[in-house]
Every structure is written in C-alpha cells, then in structure tokens.
Amino acid sequence: MKINTIEKHFTTLFLQDLRKKAGNTFFSVEFFKKDGTYRKLKGRFGVAKDLKGRGLGYDPLDHGLLNVWDIEAKGYRMIRVANIERMKVRGITYNFGGV
C-alpha cells in the first residue's frame, strides 16, 4: 500500500466520522475551488431536498469528494477533499491544510 493510498484511506475515514458527528447540524468548511479561488461555505450533510430518483450512484468520498448542501446558494456542492483547509463542526475546528 502506497503512502498516498494510506493517507487517502485515513482521510476518508476521518471525514466519514465528521459527517456522522455533524449529523443534521450546520457546519462550515473553507477550501480552494477547482479554479484555485478560496471559498467559505456553510452547509449541511444529508439534505434530501431536490433529489430525484435514487440520488447518486456512487459514494463521493470514494472519489475524493465531499457532497454538501450549500445553505446560502441553496444547492448541492461537491468539494475536493484534497482542497479542504478547515472545517468547523459542532464548535470544533479541524485544520487540514490541504490533505
């Protein structure tokens, strides 16, 4: 198993745990978008609004993505896990510094 694979695996497990801790509460995340701009997002996990059919046919974390509901833009967003700088969940700030 390569170092990158191990790091990716533990990052995925950690983010799955954060998702469980957040539950249906609001959280904030700071990250760099694909185009390199810095963004702060307030969101929630597990929002089923506007879903049609059966939803996604895959787990975004398996592809290095975090699927969140952006409460300000009122829409779903995919965030690259590798671009996350920090998340604040239930009052606790987690610093990633670009995983």
PDB file of N, CA and C in Angstrom:
ATOM      1  N   MET A   1       0.849  -1.179   0.000  1.00  0.00           N
ATOM      2  CA  MET A   1       0.000   0.000   0.000  1.00  0.00           C
ATOM      3  C   MET A   1       0.895   1.243   0.000  1.00  0.00           C
ATOM      4  N   LYS A   2       0.681   2.135  -0.907  1.00  0.00           N
ATOM      5  CA  LYS A   2       1.482   3.347  -1.005  1.00  0.00           C
ATOM      6  C   LYS A   2       1.076   4.341   0.082  1.00  0.00           C
ATOM      7  N   ILE A   3       1.982   5.280   0.394  1.00  0.00           N
ATOM      8  CA  ILE A   3       1.706   6.309   1.405  1.00  0.00           C
ATOM      9  C   ILE A   3       0.466   7.107   1.026  1.00  0.00           C
ATOM     10  N   ASN A   4       0.354   7.533  -0.239  1.00  0.00           N
ATOM     11  CA  ASN A   4      -0.812   8.300  -0.676  1.00  0.00           C
ATOM     12  C   ASN A   4      -2.099   7.532  -0.444  1.00  0.00           C
ATOM     13  N   THR A   5      -2.079   6.232  -0.697  1.00  0.00           N
ATOM     14  CA  THR A   5      -3.263   5.403  -0.510  1.00  0.00           C
ATOM     15  C   THR A   5      -3.629   5.342   0.970  1.00  0.00           C
ATOM     16  N   ILE A   6      -2.622   5.207   1.838  1.00  0.00           N
ATOM     17  CA  ILE A   6      -2.872   5.158   3.281  1.00  0.00           C
ATOM     18  C   ILE A   6      -3.430   6.494   3.764  1.00  0.00           C
ATOM     19  N   GLU A   7      -2.814   7.596   3.344  1.00  0.00           N
ATOM     20  CA  GLU A   7      -3.296   8.919   3.737  1.00  0.00           C
ATOM     21  C   GLU A   7      -4.727   9.136   3.258  1.00  0.00           C
ATOM     22  N   LYS A   8      -5.000   8.757   2.031  1.00  0.00           N
ATOM     23  CA  LYS A   8      -6.345   8.916   1.467  1.00  0.00           C
ATOM     24  C   LYS A   8      -7.354   8.092   2.266  1.00  0.00           C
ATOM     25  N   HIS A   9      -6.956   6.873   2.629  1.00  0.00           N
ATOM     26  CA  HIS A   9      -7.843   5.987   3.391  1.00  0.00           C
ATOM     27  C   HIS A   9      -8.187   6.601   4.751  1.00  0.00           C
ATOM     28  N   PHE A  10      -7.164   7.087   5.487  1.00  0.00           N
ATOM     29  CA  PHE A  10      -7.418   7.664   6.798  1.00  0.00           C
ATOM     30  C   PHE A  10      -8.180   8.986   6.702  1.00  0.00           C
ATOM     31  N   THR A  11      -7.915   9.760   5.688  1.00  0.00           N
ATOM     32  CA  THR A  11      -8.661  11.000   5.472  1.00  0.00           C
ATOM     33  C   THR A  11     -10.133  10.684   5.219  1.00  0.00           C
ATOM     34  N   THR A  12     -10.389   9.674   4.408  1.00  0.00           N
ATOM     35  CA  THR A  12     -11.760   9.265   4.122  1.00  0.00           C
ATOM     36  C   THR A  12     -12.457   8.816   5.397  1.00  0.00           C
ATOM     37  N   LEU A  13     -11.783   8.004   6.209  1.00  0.00           N
ATOM     38  CA  LEU A  13     -12.373   7.547   7.475  1.00  0.00           C
ATOM     39  C   LEU A  13     -12.653   8.723   8.410  1.00  0.00           C
ATOM     40  N   PHE A  14     -11.718   9.675   8.469  1.00  0.00           N
ATOM     41  CA  PHE A  14     -11.891  10.837   9.328  1.00  0.00           C
ATOM     42  C   PHE A  14     -13.082  11.679   8.872  1.00  0.00           C
ATOM     43  N   LEU A  15     -13.198  11.895   7.574  1.00  0.00           N
ATOM     44  CA  LEU A  15     -14.314  12.691   7.054  1.00  0.00           C
ATOM     45  C   LEU A  15     -15.649  11.970   7.235  1.00  0.00           C
ATOM     46  N   GLN A  16     -15.659  10.650   7.124  1.00  0.00           N
ATOM     47  CA  GLN A  16     -16.880   9.896   7.401  1.00  0.00           C
ATOM     48  C   GLN A  16     -17.295  10.099   8.854  1.00  0.00           C
ATOM     49  N   ASP A  17     -16.324  10.093   9.754  1.00  0.00           N
ATOM     50  CA  ASP A  17     -16.602  10.324  11.170  1.00  0.00           C
ATOM     51  C   ASP A  17     -17.123  11.746  11.387  1.00  0.00           C
ATOM     52  N   LEU A  18     -16.517  12.732  10.719  1.00  0.00           N
ATOM     53  CA  LEU A  18     -17.002  14.115  10.838  1.00  0.00           C
ATOM     54  C   LEU A  18     -18.434  14.244  10.330  1.00  0.00           C
ATOM     55  N   ARG A  19     -18.743  13.535   9.247  1.00  0.00           N
ATOM     56  CA  ARG A  19     -20.107  13.548   8.715  1.00  0.00           C
ATOM     57  C   ARG A  19     -21.094  13.032   9.750  1.00  0.00           C
ATOM     58  N   LYS A  20     -20.717  11.956  10.438  1.00  0.00           N
ATOM     59  CA  LYS A  20     -21.580  11.399  11.486  1.00  0.00           C
ATOM     60  C   LYS A  20     -21.731  12.374  12.645  1.00  0.00           C
ATOM     61  N   LYS A  21     -20.620  13.024  13.054  1.00  0.00           N
ATOM     62  CA  LYS A  21     -20.665  13.979  14.153  1.00  0.00           C
ATOM     63  C   LYS A  21     -21.538  15.178  13.804  1.00  0.00           C
ATOM     64  N   ALA A  22     -21.458  15.619  12.570  1.00  0.00           N
ATOM     65  CA  ALA A  22     -22.244  16.782  12.145  1.00  0.00           C
ATOM     66  C   ALA A  22     -23.727  16.453  12.122  1.00  0.00           C
ATOM     67  N   GLY A  23     -24.048  15.225  11.710  1.00  0.00           N
ATOM     68  CA  GLY A  23     -25.455  14.843  11.627  1.00  0.00           C
ATOM     69  C   GLY A  23     -26.224  15.812  10.751  1.00  0.00           C
ATOM     70  N   ASN A  24     -27.310  16.353  11.275  1.00  0.00           N
ATOM     71  CA  ASN A  24     -28.136  17.307  10.530  1.00  0.00           C
ATOM     72  C   ASN A  24     -27.850  18.749  10.916  1.00  0.00           C
ATOM     73  N   THR A  25     -26.768  18.980  11.681  1.00  0.00           N
ATOM     74  CA  THR A  25     -26.454  20.345  12.101  1.00  0.00           C
ATOM     75  C   THR A  25     -25.662  21.068  11.014  1.00  0.00           C
ATOM     76  N   PHE A  26     -25.603  22.369  11.163  1.00  0.00           N
ATOM     77  CA  PHE A  26     -24.842  23.190  10.218  1.00  0.00           C
ATOM     78  C   PHE A  26     -23.356  23.116  10.545  1.00  0.00           C
ATOM     79  N   PHE A  27     -22.539  23.279   9.531  1.00  0.00           N
ATOM     80  CA  PHE A  27     -21.091  23.313   9.700  1.00  0.00           C
ATOM     81  C   PHE A  27     -20.538  24.287   8.687  1.00  0.00           C
ATOM     82  N   SER A  28     -19.267  24.634   8.860  1.00  0.00           N
ATOM     83  CA  SER A  28     -18.611  25.491   7.863  1.00  0.00           C
ATOM     84  C   SER A  28     -17.367  24.775   7.362  1.00  0.00           C
ATOM     85  N   VAL A  29     -17.024  25.067   6.139  1.00  0.00           N
ATOM     86  CA  VAL A  29     -15.834  24.478   5.527  1.00  0.00           C
ATOM     87  C   VAL A  29     -15.155  25.549   4.680  1.00  0.00           C
ATOM     88  N   GLU A  30     -13.830  25.579   4.749  1.00  0.00           N
ATOM     89  CA  GLU A  30     -13.035  26.505   3.940  1.00  0.00           C
ATOM     90  C   GLU A  30     -12.154  25.661   3.033  1.00  0.00           C
ATOM     91  N   PHE A  31     -12.131  26.015   1.761  1.00  0.00           N
ATOM     92  CA  PHE A  31     -11.420  25.193   0.789  1.00  0.00           C
ATOM     93  C   PHE A  31     -11.051  26.015  -0.437  1.00  0.00           C
ATOM     94  N   PHE A  32     -10.196  25.430  -1.264  1.00  0.00           N
ATOM     95  CA  PHE A  32      -9.860  26.028  -2.555  1.00  0.00           C
ATOM     96  C   PHE A  32     -10.683  25.332  -3.630  1.00  0.00           C
ATOM     97  N   LYS A  33     -11.368  26.129  -4.440  1.00  0.00           N
ATOM     98  CA  LYS A  33     -12.148  25.573  -5.538  1.00  0.00           C
ATOM     99  C   LYS A  33     -11.217  25.051  -6.625  1.00  0.00           C
ATOM    100  N   LYS A  34     -11.792  24.341  -7.569  1.00  0.00           N
ATOM    101  CA  LYS A  34     -11.013  23.759  -8.663  1.00  0.00           C
ATOM    102  C   LYS A  34     -10.223  24.821  -9.429  1.00  0.00           C
ATOM    103  N   ASP A  35     -10.803  26.023  -9.542  1.00  0.00           N
ATOM    104  CA  ASP A  35     -10.125  27.099 -10.274  1.00  0.00           C
ATOM    105  C   ASP A  35      -9.089  27.847  -9.422  1.00  0.00           C
ATOM    106  N   GLY A  36      -8.918  27.417  -8.148  1.00  0.00           N
ATOM    107  CA  GLY A  36      -7.903  27.996  -7.276  1.00  0.00           C
ATOM    108  C   GLY A  36      -8.396  29.099  -6.352  1.00  0.00           C
ATOM    109  N   THR A  37      -9.643  29.529  -6.494  1.00  0.00           N
ATOM    110  CA  THR A  37     -10.164  30.573  -5.614  1.00  0.00           C
ATOM    111  C   THR A  37     -10.537  29.980  -4.263  1.00  0.00           C
ATOM    112  N   TYR A  38     -10.361  30.792  -3.216  1.00  0.00           N
ATOM    113  CA  TYR A  38     -10.646  30.364  -1.839  1.00  0.00           C
ATOM    114  C   TYR A  38     -12.113  30.589  -1.542  1.00  0.00           C
ATOM    115  N   ARG A  39     -12.745  29.634  -0.879  1.00  0.00           N
ATOM    116  CA  ARG A  39     -14.179  29.742  -0.621  1.00  0.00           C
ATOM    117  C   ARG A  39     -14.508  29.277   0.773  1.00  0.00           C
ATOM    118  N   LYS A  40     -15.451  29.966   1.402  1.00  0.00           N
ATOM    119  CA  LYS A  40     -16.024  29.545   2.686  1.00  0.00           C
ATOM    120  C   LYS A  40     -17.470  29.156   2.411  1.00  0.00           C
ATOM    121  N   LEU A  41     -17.869  28.025   2.932  1.00  0.00           N
ATOM    122  CA  LEU A  41     -19.211  27.514   2.681  1.00  0.00           C
ATOM    123  C   LEU A  41     -19.845  27.100   3.994  1.00  0.00           C
ATOM    124  N   LYS A  42     -21.105  27.459   4.170  1.00  0.00           N
ATOM    125  CA  LYS A  42     -21.884  26.972   5.311  1.00  0.00           C
ATOM    126  C   LYS A  42     -22.845  25.940   4.753  1.00  0.00           C
ATOM    127  N   GLY A  43     -22.842  24.766   5.348  1.00  0.00           N
ATOM    128  CA  GLY A  43     -23.657  23.712   4.771  1.00  0.00           C
ATOM    129  C   GLY A  43     -24.153  22.692   5.767  1.00  0.00           C
ATOM    130  N   ARG A  44     -24.775  21.663   5.202  1.00  0.00           N
ATOM    131  CA  ARG A  44     -25.295  20.532   5.967  1.00  0.00           C
ATOM    132  C   ARG A  44     -25.089  19.270   5.160  1.00  0.00           C
ATOM    133  N   PHE A  45     -24.975  18.167   5.866  1.00  0.00           N
ATOM    134  CA  PHE A  45     -24.944  16.853   5.231  1.00  0.00           C
ATOM    135  C   PHE A  45     -26.342  16.262   5.289  1.00  0.00           C
ATOM    136  N   GLY A  46     -26.626  15.337   4.415  1.00  0.00           N
ATOM    137  CA  GLY A  46     -27.855  14.556   4.487  1.00  0.00           C
ATOM    138  C   GLY A  46     -29.127  15.260   4.063  1.00  0.00           C
ATOM    139  N   VAL A  47     -29.023  16.367   3.368  1.00  0.00           N
ATOM    140  CA  VAL A  47     -30.223  17.065   2.898  1.00  0.00           C
ATOM    141  C   VAL A  47     -30.773  16.315   1.690  1.00  0.00           C
ATOM    142  N   ALA A  48     -32.058  15.993   1.731  1.00  0.00           N
ATOM    143  CA  ALA A  48     -32.677  15.221   0.654  1.00  0.00           C
ATOM    144  C   ALA A  48     -33.514  16.096  -0.281  1.00  0.00           C
ATOM    145  N   LYS A  49     -33.498  17.402  -0.057  1.00  0.00           N
ATOM    146  CA  LYS A  49     -34.277  18.315  -0.877  1.00  0.00           C
ATOM    147  C   LYS A  49     -33.815  18.266  -2.337  1.00  0.00           C
ATOM    148  N   ASP A  50     -34.747  18.347  -3.235  1.00  0.00           N
ATOM    149  CA  ASP A  50     -34.493  18.391  -4.678  1.00  0.00           C
ATOM    150  C   ASP A  50     -33.891  17.113  -5.256  1.00  0.00           C
ATOM    151  N   LEU A  51     -33.855  16.034  -4.481  1.00  0.00           N
ATOM    152  CA  LEU A  51     -33.349  14.774  -5.030  1.00  0.00           C
ATOM    153  C   LEU A  51     -34.412  14.157  -5.923  1.00  0.00           C
ATOM    154  N   LYS A  52     -33.963  13.613  -7.008  1.00  0.00           N
ATOM    155  CA  LYS A  52     -34.875  12.952  -7.937  1.00  0.00           C
ATOM    156  C   LYS A  52     -34.368  11.536  -8.155  1.00  0.00           C
ATOM    157  N   GLY A  53     -35.273  10.603  -8.225  1.00  0.00           N
ATOM    158  CA  GLY A  53     -34.854   9.223  -8.445  1.00  0.00           C
ATOM    159  C   GLY A  53     -34.147   8.655  -7.236  1.00  0.00           C
ATOM    160  N   ARG A  54     -33.055   7.974  -7.479  1.00  0.00           N
ATOM    161  CA  ARG A  54     -32.352   7.306  -6.381  1.00  0.00           C
ATOM    162  C   ARG A  54     -31.129   8.070  -5.901  1.00  0.00           C
ATOM    163  N   GLY A  55     -30.880   9.243  -6.419  1.00  0.00           N
ATOM    164  CA  GLY A  55     -29.729  10.027  -5.984  1.00  0.00           C
ATOM    165  C   GLY A  55     -28.466   9.615  -6.717  1.00  0.00           C
ATOM    166  N   LEU A  56     -27.334   9.809  -6.057  1.00  0.00           N
ATOM    167  CA  LEU A  56     -26.048   9.470  -6.667  1.00  0.00           C
ATOM    168  C   LEU A  56     -25.879   7.956  -6.741  1.00  0.00           C
ATOM    169  N   GLY A  57     -25.241   7.506  -7.778  1.00  0.00           N
ATOM    170  CA  GLY A  57     -24.984   6.083  -7.940  1.00  0.00           C
ATOM    171  C   GLY A  57     -23.635   5.672  -7.390  1.00  0.00           C
ATOM    172  N   TYR A  58     -22.992   6.558  -6.614  1.00  0.00           N
ATOM    173  CA  TYR A  58     -21.666   6.269  -6.059  1.00  0.00           C
ATOM    174  C   TYR A  58     -21.484   7.055  -4.769  1.00  0.00           C
ATOM    175  N   ASP A  59     -20.471   6.680  -3.985  1.00  0.00           N
ATOM    176  CA  ASP A  59     -20.129   7.411  -2.776  1.00  0.00           C
ATOM    177  C   ASP A  59     -19.068   8.444  -3.143  1.00  0.00           C
ATOM    178  N   PRO A  60     -19.374   9.735  -3.022  1.00  0.00           N
ATOM    179  CA  PRO A  60     -18.408  10.776  -3.404  1.00  0.00           C
ATOM    180  C   PRO A  60     -17.057  10.651  -2.695  1.00  0.00           C
ATOM    181  N   LEU A  61     -17.047  10.190  -1.442  1.00  0.00           N
ATOM    182  CA  LEU A  61     -15.780  10.054  -0.717  1.00  0.00           C
ATOM    183  C   LEU A  61     -14.845   9.047  -1.389  1.00  0.00           C
ATOM    184  N   ASP A  62     -15.416   8.052  -2.073  1.00  0.00           N
ATOM    185  CA  ASP A  62     -14.589   7.088  -2.806  1.00  0.00           C
ATOM    186  C   ASP A  62     -13.836   7.757  -3.948  1.00  0.00           C
ATOM    187  N   HIS A  63     -14.318   8.916  -4.370  1.00  0.00           N
ATOM    188  CA  HIS A  63     -13.701   9.661  -5.474  1.00  0.00           C
ATOM    189  C   HIS A  63     -13.023  10.945  -4.997  1.00  0.00           C
ATOM    190  N   GLY A  64     -12.809  11.040  -3.678  1.00  0.00           N
ATOM    191  CA  GLY A  64     -12.117  12.211  -3.136  1.00  0.00           C
ATOM    192  C   GLY A  64     -12.969  13.459  -3.085  1.00  0.00           C
ATOM    193  N   LEU A  65     -14.289  13.286  -3.012  1.00  0.00           N
ATOM    194  CA  LEU A  65     -15.204  14.421  -2.992  1.00  0.00           C
ATOM    195  C   LEU A  65     -16.089  14.378  -1.747  1.00  0.00           C
ATOM    196  N   LEU A  66     -16.513  15.542  -1.305  1.00  0.00           N
ATOM    197  CA  LEU A  66     -17.436  15.672  -0.189  1.00  0.00           C
ATOM    198  C   LEU A  66     -18.692  16.344  -0.725  1.00  0.00           C
ATOM    199  N   ASN A  67     -19.830  15.675  -0.599  1.00  0.00           N
ATOM    200  CA  ASN A  67     -21.099  16.190  -1.103  1.00  0.00           C
ATOM    201  C   ASN A  67     -21.814  16.921   0.032  1.00  0.00           C
ATOM    202  N   VAL A  68     -22.064  18.225  -0.144  1.00  0.00           N
ATOM    203  CA  VAL A  68     -22.714  19.023   0.903  1.00  0.00           C
ATOM    204  C   VAL A  68     -23.838  19.871   0.294  1.00  0.00           C
ATOM    205  N   TRP A  69     -24.770  20.267   1.159  1.00  0.00           N
ATOM    206  CA  TRP A  69     -25.826  21.196   0.778  1.00  0.00           C
ATOM    207  C   TRP A  69     -25.370  22.586   1.194  1.00  0.00           C
ATOM    208  N   ASP A  70     -25.198  23.495   0.244  1.00  0.00           N
ATOM    209  CA  ASP A  70     -24.793  24.876   0.499  1.00  0.00           C
ATOM    210  C   ASP A  70     -26.042  25.652   0.892  1.00  0.00           C
ATOM    211  N   ILE A  71     -26.112  26.088   2.168  1.00  0.00           N
ATOM    212  CA  ILE A  71     -27.338  26.729   2.643  1.00  0.00           C
ATOM    213  C   ILE A  71     -27.530  28.129   2.082  1.00  0.00           C
ATOM    214  N   GLU A  72     -26.452  28.789   1.683  1.00  0.00           N
ATOM    215  CA  GLU A  72     -26.579  30.133   1.119  1.00  0.00           C
ATOM    216  C   GLU A  72     -26.982  30.093  -0.354  1.00  0.00           C
ATOM    217  N   ALA A  73     -26.405  29.169  -1.111  1.00  0.00           N
ATOM    218  CA  ALA A  73     -26.717  29.052  -2.537  1.00  0.00           C
ATOM    219  C   ALA A  73     -27.921  28.141  -2.778  1.00  0.00           C
ATOM    220  N   LYS A  74     -28.356  27.446  -1.725  1.00  0.00           N
ATOM    221  CA  LYS A  74     -29.494  26.523  -1.808  1.00  0.00           C
ATOM    222  C   LYS A  74     -29.307  25.478  -2.914  1.00  0.00           C
ATOM    223  N   GLY A  75     -28.164  24.818  -2.849  1.00  0.00           N
ATOM    224  CA  GLY A  75     -27.878  23.780  -3.829  1.00  0.00           C
ATOM    225  C   GLY A  75     -26.765  22.868  -3.353  1.00  0.00           C
ATOM    226  N   TYR A  76     -26.639  21.739  -4.019  1.00  0.00           N
ATOM    227  CA  TYR A  76     -25.590  20.782  -3.668  1.00  0.00           C
ATOM    228  C   TYR A  76     -24.252  21.224  -4.246  1.00  0.00           C
ATOM    229  N   ARG A  77     -23.191  20.949  -3.504  1.00  0.00           N
ATOM    230  CA  ARG A  77     -21.846  21.251  -3.960  1.00  0.00           C
ATOM    231  C   ARG A  77     -20.954  20.045  -3.689  1.00  0.00           C
ATOM    232  N   MET A  78     -20.016  19.804  -4.586  1.00  0.00           N
ATOM    233  CA  MET A  78     -19.000  18.776  -4.387  1.00  0.00           C
ATOM    234  C   MET A  78     -17.690  19.494  -4.097  1.00  0.00           C
ATOM    235  N   ILE A  79     -17.060  19.135  -2.993  1.00  0.00           N
ATOM    236  CA  ILE A  79     -15.801  19.747  -2.585  1.00  0.00           C
ATOM    237  C   ILE A  79     -14.714  18.686  -2.665  1.00  0.00           C
ATOM    238  N   ARG A  80     -13.602  19.029  -3.311  1.00  0.00           N
ATOM    239  CA  ARG A  80     -12.468  18.107  -3.367  1.00  0.00           C
ATOM    240  C   ARG A  80     -11.847  18.008  -1.978  1.00  0.00           C
ATOM    241  N   VAL A  81     -11.781  16.794  -1.461  1.00  0.00           N
ATOM    242  CA  VAL A  81     -11.228  16.558  -0.125  1.00  0.00           C
ATOM    243  C   VAL A  81      -9.812  17.104  -0.019  1.00  0.00           C
ATOM    244  N   ALA A  82      -9.016  16.939  -1.044  1.00  0.00           N
ATOM    245  CA  ALA A  82      -7.627  17.396  -1.027  1.00  0.00           C
ATOM    246  C   ALA A  82      -7.506  18.916  -0.927  1.00  0.00           C
ATOM    247  N   ASN A  83      -8.572  19.649  -1.235  1.00  0.00           N
ATOM    248  CA  ASN A  83      -8.527  21.111  -1.222  1.00  0.00           C
ATOM    249  C   ASN A  83      -9.102  21.727   0.046  1.00  0.00           C
ATOM    250  N   ILE A  84      -9.552  20.895   0.994  1.00  0.00           N
ATOM    251  CA  ILE A  84     -10.131  21.410   2.238  1.00  0.00           C
ATOM    252  C   ILE A  84      -9.024  21.933   3.135  1.00  0.00           C
ATOM    253  N   GLU A  85      -9.197  23.158   3.610  1.00  0.00           N
ATOM    254  CA  GLU A  85      -8.252  23.765   4.539  1.00  0.00           C
ATOM    255  C   GLU A  85      -8.705  23.576   5.986  1.00  0.00           C
ATOM    256  N   ARG A  86      -9.989  23.818   6.256  1.00  0.00           N
ATOM    257  CA  ARG A  86     -10.501  23.638   7.619  1.00  0.00           C
ATOM    258  C   ARG A  86     -12.010  23.449   7.600  1.00  0.00           C
ATOM    259  N   MET A  87     -12.476  22.760   8.643  1.00  0.00           N
ATOM    260  CA  MET A  87     -13.913  22.566   8.841  1.00  0.00           C
ATOM    261  C   MET A  87     -14.228  22.864  10.300  1.00  0.00           C
ATOM    262  N   LYS A  88     -15.408  23.425  10.519  1.00  0.00           N
ATOM    263  CA  LYS A  88     -15.874  23.657  11.882  1.00  0.00           C
ATOM    264  C   LYS A  88     -17.176  22.892  12.039  1.00  0.00           C
ATOM    265  N   VAL A  89     -17.157  21.898  12.938  1.00  0.00           N
ATOM    266  CA  VAL A  89     -18.300  21.023  13.167  1.00  0.00           C
ATOM    267  C   VAL A  89     -18.619  21.022  14.658  1.00  0.00           C
ATOM    268  N   ARG A  90     -19.845  21.404  15.007  1.00  0.00           N
ATOM    269  CA  ARG A  90     -20.301  21.439  16.407  1.00  0.00           C
ATOM    270  C   ARG A  90     -19.332  22.211  17.305  1.00  0.00           C
ATOM    271  N   GLY A  91     -18.826  23.353  16.784  1.00  0.00           N
ATOM    272  CA  GLY A  91     -17.979  24.235  17.570  1.00  0.00           C
ATOM    273  C   GLY A  91     -16.506  23.861  17.603  1.00  0.00           C
ATOM    274  N   ILE A  92     -16.126  22.751  16.980  1.00  0.00           N
ATOM    275  CA  ILE A  92     -14.738  22.321  16.972  1.00  0.00           C
ATOM    276  C   ILE A  92     -14.167  22.542  15.578  1.00  0.00           C
ATOM    277  N   THR A  93     -13.017  23.226  15.507  1.00  0.00           N
ATOM    278  CA  THR A  93     -12.364  23.492  14.224  1.00  0.00           C
ATOM    279  C   THR A  93     -11.317  22.429  13.952  1.00  0.00           C
ATOM    280  N   TYR A  94     -11.382  21.851  12.749  1.00  0.00           N
ATOM    281  CA  TYR A  94     -10.422  20.851  12.305  1.00  0.00           C
ATOM    282  C   TYR A  94      -9.613  21.462  11.164  1.00  0.00           C
ATOM    283  N   ASN A  95      -8.299  21.547  11.339  1.00  0.00           N
ATOM    284  CA  ASN A  95      -7.419  22.112  10.316  1.00  0.00           C
ATOM    285  C   ASN A  95      -6.817  20.980   9.492  1.00  0.00           C
ATOM    286  N   PHE A  96      -6.969  21.073   8.178  1.00  0.00           N
ATOM    287  CA  PHE A  96      -6.418  20.070   7.281  1.00  0.00           C
ATOM    288  C   PHE A  96      -5.181  20.584   6.568  1.00  0.00           C
ATOM    289  N   GLY A  97      -5.191  21.860   6.195  1.00  0.00           N
ATOM    290  CA  GLY A  97      -4.057  22.436   5.492  1.00  0.00           C
ATOM    291  C   GLY A  97      -3.793  21.772   4.154  1.00  0.00           C
ATOM    292  N   GLY A  98      -4.871  21.376   3.445  1.00  0.00           N
ATOM    293  CA  GLY A  98      -4.720  20.722   2.157  1.00  0.00           C
ATOM    294  C   GLY A  98      -4.219  19.306   2.350  1.00  0.00           C
ATOM    295  N   VAL A  99      -5.139  18.390   2.508  1.00  0.00           N
ATOM    296  CA  VAL A  99      -4.821  16.974   2.797  1.00  0.00           C
ATOM    297  C   VAL A  99      -3.989  16.379   1.716  1.00  0.00           C
TER     298      VAL A  99
END
